[in-house]
Amino acid sequence: MSEIVFSFEDSSQAKVEAKQSKALKSDLNPFSIKGLSDAQLKRIVLNKEFIANYNHLVSSTSLAGQNEAEWAIEMVKRLKTDSSVFNKCPIRDYLEYT
């Protein structure tokens, strides 16, 4: 008489842990804007250091180059579109020194 032995592994738990680990890593990324509110993004883009680092992205003759409110709107939009452009300093650091 032969014996057949089956072994099962619950892969759903491993998948959940992998997703949590990936989410945690993205949350810890200092250049990520994930989890930041619009108000926090506005505080970031109005930070004097942020303005000094990225004022070259906007023409001084444009509305955003002449008006602080327009600057905030434009930069928040750009942050949401492609935050990888803003890599001179970790994004969250601008919140700490505001």
Protein backbone atom coordinates (compact mmCIF):
# COMPACT_ATOMS: atom_id res chain seq x y z
CA MET A 1 0.00 0.00 0.00
CA SER A 2 1.37 3.38 -1.06
CA GLU A 3 0.89 6.57 0.81
CA ILE A 4 0.33 9.87 -0.92
CA VAL A 5 1.20 12.95 1.07
CA PHE A 6 0.00 16.39 0.11
CA SER A 7 1.45 19.56 1.47
CA PHE A 8 -0.39 22.89 1.26
CA GLU A 9 0.90 26.35 1.88
CA ASP A 10 -1.35 29.33 2.44
CA SER A 11 -0.02 31.80 -0.11
CA SER A 12 -2.69 34.40 0.62
CA GLN A 13 -0.91 35.45 3.82
CA ALA A 14 2.38 35.81 1.94
CA LYS A 15 0.66 38.00 -0.67
CA VAL A 16 -0.87 40.21 2.01
CA GLU A 17 2.49 40.62 3.73
CA ALA A 18 4.17 41.47 0.42
CA LYS A 19 1.55 44.15 -0.33
CA GLN A 20 1.91 45.62 3.16
CA SER A 21 5.69 45.66 2.84
CA LYS A 22 5.49 47.40 -0.54
CA ALA A 23 3.01 49.96 0.80
CA LEU A 24 5.21 50.62 3.82
CA LYS A 25 8.26 51.15 1.62
CA SER A 26 6.41 53.67 -0.56
CA ASP A 27 5.16 55.50 2.55
CA LEU A 28 8.71 55.71 3.86
CA ASN A 29 10.02 57.14 0.61
CA PRO A 30 10.92 60.73 1.55
CA PHE A 31 10.39 61.88 -2.05
CA SER A 32 6.86 60.45 -2.24
CA ILE A 33 3.81 62.68 -1.93
CA LYS A 34 1.61 59.70 -1.13
CA GLY A 35 -0.52 60.36 1.92
CA LEU A 36 -0.09 64.14 1.86
CA SER A 37 -3.20 66.31 1.75
CA ASP A 38 -3.70 69.22 -0.64
CA ALA A 39 -3.17 71.62 2.27
CA GLN A 40 0.17 69.98 3.09
CA LEU A 41 1.21 70.13 -0.56
CA LYS A 42 0.33 73.83 -0.61
CA ARG A 43 2.45 74.41 2.52
CA ILE A 44 5.32 72.58 0.83
CA VAL A 45 5.21 74.63 -2.38
CA LEU A 46 4.99 77.91 -0.45
CA ASN A 47 8.06 77.01 1.63
CA LYS A 48 10.86 79.53 0.92
CA GLU A 49 13.43 76.76 0.38
CA PHE A 50 11.12 74.97 -2.10
CA ILE A 51 10.59 78.21 -4.00
CA ALA A 52 14.35 78.83 -4.12
CA ASN A 53 15.00 75.28 -5.37
CA TYR A 54 12.32 75.19 -8.07
CA ASN A 55 11.60 78.78 -9.16
CA HIS A 56 13.42 78.04 -12.43
CA LEU A 57 10.54 75.75 -13.46
CA VAL A 58 8.18 78.70 -13.92
CA SER A 59 8.77 81.71 -16.13
CA SER A 60 8.97 84.97 -14.19
CA THR A 61 6.61 86.56 -16.72
CA SER A 62 3.90 83.92 -16.27
CA LEU A 63 1.03 84.30 -13.81
CA ALA A 64 2.56 81.63 -11.56
CA GLY A 65 5.85 83.53 -11.58
CA GLN A 66 4.20 86.74 -10.41
CA ASN A 67 1.45 85.63 -8.03
CA GLU A 68 1.95 83.44 -4.95
CA ALA A 69 -1.53 81.90 -5.17
CA GLU A 70 -1.00 80.98 -8.83
CA TRP A 71 2.46 79.59 -7.96
CA ALA A 72 0.87 77.33 -5.33
CA ILE A 73 -1.80 76.07 -7.74
CA GLU A 74 0.72 75.38 -10.51
CA MET A 75 3.30 73.66 -8.29
CA VAL A 76 0.74 71.47 -6.50
CA LYS A 77 -0.53 70.41 -9.92
CA ARG A 78 3.02 69.58 -11.02
CA LEU A 79 3.74 67.69 -7.80
CA LYS A 80 0.65 65.56 -8.33
CA THR A 81 1.50 64.96 -11.99
CA ASP A 82 5.17 64.02 -11.61
CA SER A 83 6.79 64.36 -8.21
CA SER A 84 10.04 62.79 -9.44
CA VAL A 85 11.05 66.19 -10.87
CA PHE A 86 11.26 67.56 -7.33
CA ASN A 87 14.30 65.67 -6.10
CA LYS A 88 16.67 68.28 -4.67
CA CYS A 89 15.46 67.62 -1.14
CA PRO A 90 13.04 65.06 0.32
CA ILE A 91 9.55 66.52 -0.14
CA ARG A 92 8.53 65.94 3.47
CA ASP A 93 11.50 68.00 4.68
CA TYR A 94 9.81 71.12 3.35
CA LEU A 95 6.93 70.46 5.75
CA GLU A 96 9.21 70.21 8.77
CA TYR A 97 10.84 73.61 8.28
CA THR A 98 7.78 75.62 7.32
